Amino acid sequence: MKIIVAVIIALLVCFPVRAEAPESLSARSAVLMDAASGRLLYEKNGFEKLSMASTTKIMTAILAIENCDMDDVVTVSPAASGVEGSSLWLEVGEQLTVRQLLLGLMLRSGNDAAVALAEQTAGSVEAFVLMMNSKAKEIGMYNTGFETPNGLDSDNHYTTAYDMAVLARYAMKNPAFREIVATEKAQIPWAGHDWNRALENHNKLLKSYEGCTGIKTGFTKKSGRCLVSSAERGGRELICVTLNAPDDWNDHTRLLNHGFEDFETITIAKQGRMLKTVQIDDEQVGLLFADDFVTSLRLGEATELRSEISEMTLPVHKGQILGRVYIFSGGEFLGGVDLLADRDIAPEGFLDLIFKIAKGMI
């Protein structure tokens, strides 16, 4: 038998709810996500499968970072040299480090760099694509299929704005990835030339939007303009994705402004803080939050905590899971946190019973 206890907590109800997100976005599909919690703050056709062009390279970059040493030297193969589209003009036999290729991948959007990194990471493009799809499922990109490491048009190469936000949120937890996608300009060697390759990040928001932290642009005729961006203000970070968006820079500015102006980060559960006490036989035990739970809430938005507490018997050990609290906003499930016992409680022994009988307590 389980005991269900509902606790209603209204947060900042004295503030009026701000205006809704703009509805006149140019994007066919758009998503705004809170990076800390993964909560979806806005979506327009966010689960529609579409092409994603060079935003594909977010997955290519994070897999290379996770599976290679940044100082590993890569020898450019014939397959990597001469790939169509945006390019570093890599030459067969040229040698660059993984870090240098990643800069070329994410700033210049080099399709040849994507192939070189795929081969270095997995041995072949085909094996790397298998890694891409495996990683996608692992992190929760359930409506995505990869066929290339660079995003060139392919019939079975697709994603959703929501899935790309999931990927961006995951990748931005990696310090090396964050550093690369926040880099505005860089230079890498160009063998056989008297000058280096000059790289400039295609993401204009790094210069035009206050707090922008990344991450990747993309374009093909099939996909249209695609953009994944992130921005941080006041300790809050937001992820924004648009697919097939003719006016993507303005779309992202408006969506990010909506997220920063109309929402704020609230700590609903704090690790070690007591939610309530419950009685076990004649003893009281406190229920402590096992973890922090932090999310973005619209100004004036209320949350509801529903505690599910298992039927308990002694003994109870400090730190034992005694239940779980589920967090809702309206009908939306936001997440849950385990509830832990705050102390040890042993069952009564024989001498305890004799003492109570002598005192007339039972």
Protein backbone atom coordinates (compact mmCIF):
# COMPACT_ATOMS: atom_id res chain seq x y z
CA MET A 1 0.00 0.00 0.00
CA LYS A 2 1.26 3.47 -0.83
CA ILE A 3 0.33 6.79 0.73
CA ILE A 4 -0.17 9.67 -1.71
CA VAL A 5 0.27 13.17 -0.31
CA ALA A 6 -0.20 16.26 -2.49
CA VAL A 7 1.51 19.49 -1.54
CA ILE A 8 0.66 22.58 -3.59
CA ILE A 9 3.33 25.27 -3.79
CA ALA A 10 2.53 28.51 -5.61
CA LEU A 11 5.63 30.30 -6.84
CA LEU A 12 5.72 34.06 -7.45
CA VAL A 13 1.97 34.33 -7.84
CA CYS A 14 2.11 38.05 -7.20
CA PHE A 15 3.66 38.60 -10.63
CA PRO A 16 1.56 38.71 -13.80
CA VAL A 17 2.22 36.19 -16.55
CA ARG A 18 4.20 37.84 -19.35
CA ALA A 19 3.38 37.79 -23.06
CA GLU A 20 3.50 34.56 -25.02
CA ALA A 21 6.39 33.73 -27.34
CA PRO A 22 6.17 35.31 -30.81
CA GLU A 23 3.93 33.40 -33.18
CA SER A 24 5.24 35.01 -36.37
CA LEU A 25 8.51 33.11 -36.50
CA SER A 26 9.91 32.37 -39.94
CA ALA A 27 10.96 28.86 -38.89
CA ARG A 28 9.10 25.79 -40.07
CA SER A 29 10.13 24.19 -36.75
CA ALA A 30 11.43 25.76 -33.55
CA VAL A 31 12.24 24.79 -29.96
CA LEU A 32 13.38 26.70 -26.89
CA MET A 33 14.74 24.57 -24.03
CA ASP A 34 16.03 25.22 -20.54
CA ALA A 35 19.55 23.78 -20.50
CA ALA A 36 19.60 22.95 -16.77
CA SER A 37 16.44 20.85 -16.64
CA GLY A 38 15.69 20.07 -20.29
CA ARG A 39 12.24 21.61 -19.92
CA LEU A 40 10.65 22.69 -23.18
CA LEU A 41 9.74 26.38 -22.92
CA TYR A 42 8.42 26.81 -26.45
CA GLU A 43 7.89 24.68 -29.53
CA LYS A 44 6.49 25.12 -33.00
CA ASN A 45 6.29 21.87 -34.95
CA GLY A 46 9.12 20.80 -32.67
CA PHE A 47 8.65 17.07 -33.32
CA GLU A 48 8.37 17.21 -37.11
CA LYS A 49 11.11 15.28 -38.93
CA LEU A 50 13.17 17.59 -41.13
CA SER A 51 16.66 17.90 -42.61
CA MET A 52 19.27 19.56 -40.40
CA ALA A 53 22.19 20.32 -42.76
CA SER A 54 25.48 21.13 -41.00
CA THR A 55 23.98 21.21 -37.52
CA THR A 56 24.75 17.49 -37.93
CA LYS A 57 28.32 18.42 -37.07
CA ILE A 58 27.35 18.91 -33.43
CA MET A 59 27.12 15.13 -33.17
CA THR A 60 30.32 14.66 -35.19
CA ALA A 61 32.20 17.04 -32.90
CA ILE A 62 31.06 15.57 -29.59
CA LEU A 63 31.81 12.00 -30.70
CA ALA A 64 35.32 13.01 -31.81
CA ILE A 65 35.92 14.83 -28.52
CA GLU A 66 34.70 11.88 -26.45
CA ASN A 67 36.64 9.23 -28.37
CA CYS A 68 39.88 10.91 -29.48
CA ASP A 69 42.75 12.75 -27.86
CA MET A 70 42.59 16.41 -28.90
CA ASP A 71 46.29 16.33 -29.78
CA ASP A 72 46.08 13.18 -31.92
CA VAL A 73 47.48 13.78 -35.41
CA VAL A 74 45.12 12.98 -38.29
CA THR A 75 46.44 12.19 -41.78
CA VAL A 76 43.94 13.31 -44.42
CA SER A 77 42.71 10.45 -46.61
CA PRO A 78 41.60 10.60 -50.27
CA ALA A 79 38.00 10.20 -49.06
CA ALA A 80 38.26 13.29 -46.86
CA SER A 81 40.00 15.45 -49.44
CA GLY A 82 37.77 17.18 -51.96
CA VAL A 83 34.40 16.63 -50.26
CA GLU A 84 31.79 18.92 -51.83
CA GLY A 85 30.35 21.99 -50.15
CA SER A 86 31.95 24.09 -47.41
CA SER A 87 35.55 23.02 -47.05
CA LEU A 88 38.96 23.51 -45.46
CA TRP A 89 40.53 22.45 -48.76
CA LEU A 90 42.23 19.53 -47.06
CA GLU A 91 44.85 17.78 -49.18
CA VAL A 92 45.66 14.05 -49.24
CA GLY A 93 48.43 13.29 -46.76
CA GLU A 94 48.10 16.62 -44.93
CA GLN A 95 48.34 16.29 -41.16
CA LEU A 96 46.32 18.25 -38.60
CA THR A 97 45.42 17.58 -34.98
CA VAL A 98 41.94 16.60 -33.85
CA ARG A 99 41.62 20.01 -32.17
CA GLN A 100 42.52 21.85 -35.38
CA LEU A 101 40.04 19.80 -37.39
CA LEU A 102 37.33 20.48 -34.80
CA LEU A 103 37.90 24.21 -35.19
CA GLY A 104 37.62 23.82 -38.95
CA LEU A 105 34.51 21.71 -38.49
CA MET A 106 32.60 24.03 -36.17
CA LEU A 107 33.81 27.48 -37.35
CA ARG A 108 34.26 27.01 -41.11
CA SER A 109 31.81 24.07 -41.23
CA GLY A 110 34.28 21.99 -43.21
CA ASN A 111 32.62 18.95 -44.76
CA ASP A 112 36.06 17.49 -45.42
CA ALA A 113 36.99 17.95 -41.74
CA ALA A 114 33.88 15.96 -40.80
CA VAL A 115 35.00 13.00 -42.91
CA ALA A 116 38.57 13.19 -41.57
CA LEU A 117 37.29 13.19 -37.97
CA ALA A 118 34.85 10.36 -38.68
CA GLU A 119 37.63 8.19 -40.07
CA GLN A 120 39.94 9.04 -37.17
CA THR A 121 37.25 8.27 -34.59
CA ALA A 122 35.73 5.07 -36.00
CA GLY A 123 38.00 3.90 -38.80
CA SER A 124 35.49 4.65 -41.56
CA VAL A 125 32.54 6.90 -42.29
CA GLU A 126 30.19 3.90 -42.23
CA ALA A 127 31.34 2.85 -38.76
CA PHE A 128 31.10 6.45 -37.56
CA VAL A 129 27.51 6.77 -38.76
CA LEU A 130 26.67 3.71 -36.65
CA MET A 131 28.23 5.50 -33.67
CA MET A 132 26.17 8.60 -34.42
CA ASN A 133 22.90 6.70 -34.44
CA SER A 134 23.82 4.72 -31.33
CA LYS A 135 24.69 7.92 -29.47
CA ALA A 136 21.46 9.53 -30.62
CA LYS A 137 19.39 6.77 -29.02
CA GLU A 138 21.56 6.83 -25.89
CA ILE A 139 20.88 10.50 -25.18
CA GLY A 140 17.18 10.48 -26.15
CA MET A 141 17.13 11.57 -29.81
CA TYR A 142 14.40 9.11 -30.75
CA ASN A 143 13.29 10.77 -34.00
CA THR A 144 16.68 11.22 -35.65
CA GLY A 145 18.53 9.27 -38.32
CA PHE A 146 22.10 10.01 -39.38
CA GLU A 147 23.62 8.96 -42.72
CA THR A 148 26.57 11.37 -43.00
CA PRO A 149 28.97 13.06 -40.56
CA ASN A 150 28.62 16.44 -42.28
CA GLY A 151 24.92 16.89 -43.05
CA LEU A 152 25.01 16.82 -46.83
CA ASP A 153 21.55 16.00 -48.14
CA SER A 154 20.57 12.34 -47.89
CA ASP A 155 17.14 10.68 -47.98
CA ASN A 156 17.43 9.09 -44.54
CA HIS A 157 19.26 11.92 -42.80
CA TYR A 158 16.75 13.75 -40.59
CA THR A 159 15.99 15.04 -37.11
CA THR A 160 13.53 17.21 -35.18
CA ALA A 161 14.07 20.57 -33.52
CA TYR A 162 13.45 18.90 -30.16
CA ASP A 163 16.05 16.20 -30.81
CA MET A 164 18.61 18.80 -31.83
CA ALA A 165 17.97 20.67 -28.58
CA VAL A 166 18.55 17.41 -26.69
CA LEU A 167 21.85 16.96 -28.55
CA ALA A 168 22.93 20.55 -27.95
CA ARG A 169 22.12 20.30 -24.25
CA TYR A 170 24.20 17.13 -24.00
CA ALA A 171 27.15 18.50 -25.99
CA MET A 172 27.30 21.79 -24.10
CA LYS A 173 28.05 19.89 -20.88
CA ASN A 174 31.48 19.08 -22.35
CA PRO A 175 34.05 21.85 -21.61
CA ALA A 176 36.10 21.20 -24.76
CA PHE A 177 33.01 21.39 -26.95
CA ARG A 178 31.87 24.61 -25.24
CA GLU A 179 35.25 26.22 -25.81
CA ILE A 180 35.30 25.38 -29.51
CA VAL A 181 31.76 26.53 -30.34
CA ALA A 182 32.29 29.81 -28.47
CA THR A 183 35.43 30.60 -30.49
CA GLU A 184 34.84 33.50 -32.88
CA LYS A 185 38.11 33.36 -34.84
CA ALA A 186 41.03 30.96 -35.12
CA GLN A 187 43.93 30.01 -37.34
CA ILE A 188 45.12 26.53 -38.23
CA PRO A 189 48.07 25.45 -40.40
CA TRP A 190 47.87 25.09 -44.18
CA ALA A 191 50.65 22.85 -45.42
CA GLY A 192 52.44 24.11 -48.53
CA HIS A 193 51.29 27.70 -48.06
CA ASP A 194 52.99 30.72 -46.53
CA TRP A 195 49.88 31.55 -44.51
CA ASN A 196 47.52 29.77 -42.14
CA ARG A 197 43.89 28.98 -42.70
CA ALA A 198 41.87 31.84 -41.18
CA LEU A 199 38.63 30.62 -39.62
CA GLU A 200 35.68 32.77 -38.63
CA ASN A 201 32.64 31.36 -36.86
CA HIS A 202 29.51 31.46 -39.03
CA ASN A 203 27.34 31.94 -35.91
CA LYS A 204 26.68 35.68 -35.97
CA LEU A 205 24.88 35.53 -32.62
CA LEU A 206 28.27 35.24 -30.89
CA LYS A 207 28.74 38.92 -31.75
CA SER A 208 25.18 40.20 -31.88
CA TYR A 209 23.44 38.51 -28.92
CA GLU A 210 24.50 39.23 -25.36
CA GLY A 211 25.53 36.05 -23.56
CA CYS A 212 25.62 33.81 -26.64
CA THR A 213 27.74 30.71 -25.93
CA GLY A 214 27.44 28.80 -29.26
CA ILE A 215 26.77 26.65 -31.24
CA LYS A 216 26.22 25.77 -35.00
CA THR A 217 24.71 26.96 -38.28
CA GLY A 218 23.63 24.90 -41.28
CA PHE A 219 22.23 25.30 -44.78
CA THR A 220 21.40 23.28 -47.86
CA LYS A 221 18.72 23.96 -50.48
CA LYS A 222 16.74 21.02 -49.14
CA SER A 223 16.94 21.90 -45.46
CA GLY A 224 16.89 25.69 -45.70
CA ARG A 225 18.62 27.72 -42.99
CA CYS A 226 19.14 25.76 -39.78
CA LEU A 227 20.53 27.13 -36.53
CA VAL A 228 21.23 25.78 -33.06
CA SER A 229 22.20 28.43 -30.52
CA SER A 230 22.78 28.75 -26.80
CA ALA A 231 22.97 31.77 -24.51
CA GLU A 232 23.63 32.33 -20.83
CA ARG A 233 22.49 35.20 -18.63
CA GLY A 234 22.37 35.45 -14.87
CA GLY A 235 23.45 31.85 -14.43
CA ARG A 236 20.69 30.56 -16.74
CA GLU A 237 21.42 28.91 -20.08
CA LEU A 238 18.91 28.38 -22.87
CA ILE A 239 19.09 26.23 -26.01
CA CYS A 240 17.30 27.40 -29.16
CA VAL A 241 16.82 25.43 -32.39
CA THR A 242 15.22 26.44 -35.68
CA LEU A 243 14.94 24.29 -38.80
CA ASN A 244 14.10 25.77 -42.22
CA ALA A 245 14.07 29.35 -40.95
CA PRO A 246 14.66 32.10 -43.56
CA ASP A 247 15.02 34.72 -40.80
CA ASP A 248 16.84 32.56 -38.26
CA TRP A 249 18.93 35.30 -36.57
CA ASN A 250 15.81 37.27 -35.65
CA ASP A 251 13.90 34.10 -34.74
CA HIS A 252 16.60 33.16 -32.24
CA THR A 253 16.85 36.66 -30.81
CA ARG A 254 13.10 36.76 -30.18
CA LEU A 255 12.95 33.25 -28.71
CA LEU A 256 15.95 33.71 -26.45
CA ASN A 257 14.57 37.05 -25.25
CA HIS A 258 11.28 35.29 -24.48
CA GLY A 259 13.09 32.70 -22.41
CA PHE A 260 15.14 35.19 -20.42
CA GLU A 261 12.37 37.76 -19.91
CA ASP A 262 9.34 35.56 -19.28
CA PHE A 263 10.87 32.70 -17.29
CA GLU A 264 13.23 32.35 -14.37
CA THR A 265 15.13 29.49 -12.79
CA ILE A 266 13.61 28.11 -9.61
CA THR A 267 15.07 25.53 -7.24
CA ILE A 268 12.07 23.39 -6.33
CA ALA A 269 13.99 20.70 -4.41
CA LYS A 270 17.31 21.11 -2.60
CA GLN A 271 19.41 18.08 -1.76
CA GLY A 272 19.30 17.36 1.99
CA ARG A 273 16.35 19.67 2.66
CA MET A 274 13.35 18.14 4.46
CA LEU A 275 10.04 17.94 2.64
CA LYS A 276 7.95 16.61 5.55
CA THR A 277 7.91 14.08 8.35
CA VAL A 278 5.97 10.81 8.50
CA GLN A 279 5.23 8.45 11.37
CA ILE A 280 6.46 4.87 11.50
CA ASP A 281 4.92 3.10 14.47
CA ASP A 282 5.61 5.58 17.30
CA GLU A 283 8.56 7.23 15.61
CA GLN A 284 8.82 10.29 13.38
CA VAL A 285 11.18 10.22 10.40
CA GLY A 286 12.01 13.14 8.12
CA LEU A 287 11.92 12.80 4.35
CA LEU A 288 14.86 14.55 2.69
CA PHE A 289 15.26 15.41 -0.99
CA ALA A 290 17.91 13.11 -2.49
CA ASP A 291 18.89 15.60 -5.22
CA ASP A 292 18.44 19.16 -6.36
CA PHE A 293 15.65 19.85 -8.83
CA VAL A 294 16.05 23.08 -10.75
CA THR A 295 13.90 24.21 -13.66
CA SER A 296 12.64 27.26 -15.52
CA LEU A 297 9.17 28.47 -14.64
CA ARG A 298 7.12 31.18 -16.26
CA LEU A 299 6.63 34.19 -14.00
CA GLY A 300 3.50 33.49 -11.99
CA GLU A 301 3.53 29.75 -12.71
CA ALA A 302 2.61 27.38 -9.87
CA THR A 303 3.94 23.89 -9.23
CA GLU A 304 2.42 20.91 -7.49
CA LEU A 305 4.45 18.33 -5.56
CA ARG A 306 2.86 14.88 -5.26
CA SER A 307 4.59 12.62 -2.76
CA GLU A 308 4.38 8.86 -3.15
CA ILE A 309 5.49 7.21 0.10
CA SER A 310 5.82 3.46 0.44
CA GLU A 311 4.33 1.59 3.38
CA MET A 312 7.18 1.38 5.88
CA THR A 313 8.22 -0.94 8.68
CA LEU A 314 11.15 -0.78 11.07
CA PRO A 315 14.08 -0.82 10.94
CA VAL A 316 14.74 2.28 8.83
CA HIS A 317 18.26 3.30 7.90
CA LYS A 318 19.50 6.83 7.33
CA GLY A 319 19.59 7.50 3.57
CA GLN A 320 17.09 4.74 2.78
CA ILE A 321 14.70 5.57 -0.07
CA LEU A 322 11.24 5.86 1.46
CA GLY A 323 9.38 7.42 -1.44
CA ARG A 324 9.52 9.86 -4.31
CA VAL A 325 8.15 13.30 -5.01
CA TYR A 326 6.74 14.07 -8.48
CA ILE A 327 6.73 17.66 -9.71
CA PHE A 328 3.99 19.03 -11.98
CA SER A 329 2.99 22.35 -13.47
CA GLY A 330 -0.63 22.24 -14.50
CA GLY A 331 -0.86 18.94 -16.34
CA GLU A 332 2.83 18.93 -17.31
CA PHE A 333 5.14 16.48 -15.56
CA LEU A 334 8.45 18.19 -14.85
CA GLY A 335 10.37 15.44 -13.07
CA GLY A 336 10.86 13.61 -9.80
CA VAL A 337 13.22 13.30 -6.83
CA ASP A 338 13.70 10.41 -4.39
CA LEU A 339 12.92 10.97 -0.70
CA LEU A 340 15.39 9.66 1.88
CA ALA A 341 15.13 8.88 5.61
CA ASP A 342 16.92 11.47 7.75
CA ARG A 343 17.96 9.03 10.52
CA ASP A 344 18.22 5.43 11.68
CA ILE A 345 15.27 3.95 13.57
CA ALA A 346 15.52 0.45 15.06
CA PRO A 347 12.54 -1.68 16.10
CA GLU A 348 11.74 -1.83 19.78
CA GLY A 349 13.54 -4.53 21.74
CA PHE A 350 12.15 -6.72 24.57
CA LEU A 351 13.52 -4.40 27.32
CA ASP A 352 11.83 -1.41 25.67
CA LEU A 353 8.49 -3.20 25.87
CA ILE A 354 9.01 -4.13 29.56
CA PHE A 355 9.86 -0.49 30.34
CA LYS A 356 6.70 0.76 28.64
CA ILE A 357 4.55 -1.82 30.48
CA ALA A 358 6.09 -0.78 33.81
CA LYS A 359 5.35 2.87 33.09
CA GLY A 360 1.76 2.07 32.05
CA MET A 361 2.44 3.28 28.58
CA ILE A 362 0.93 0.17 26.94
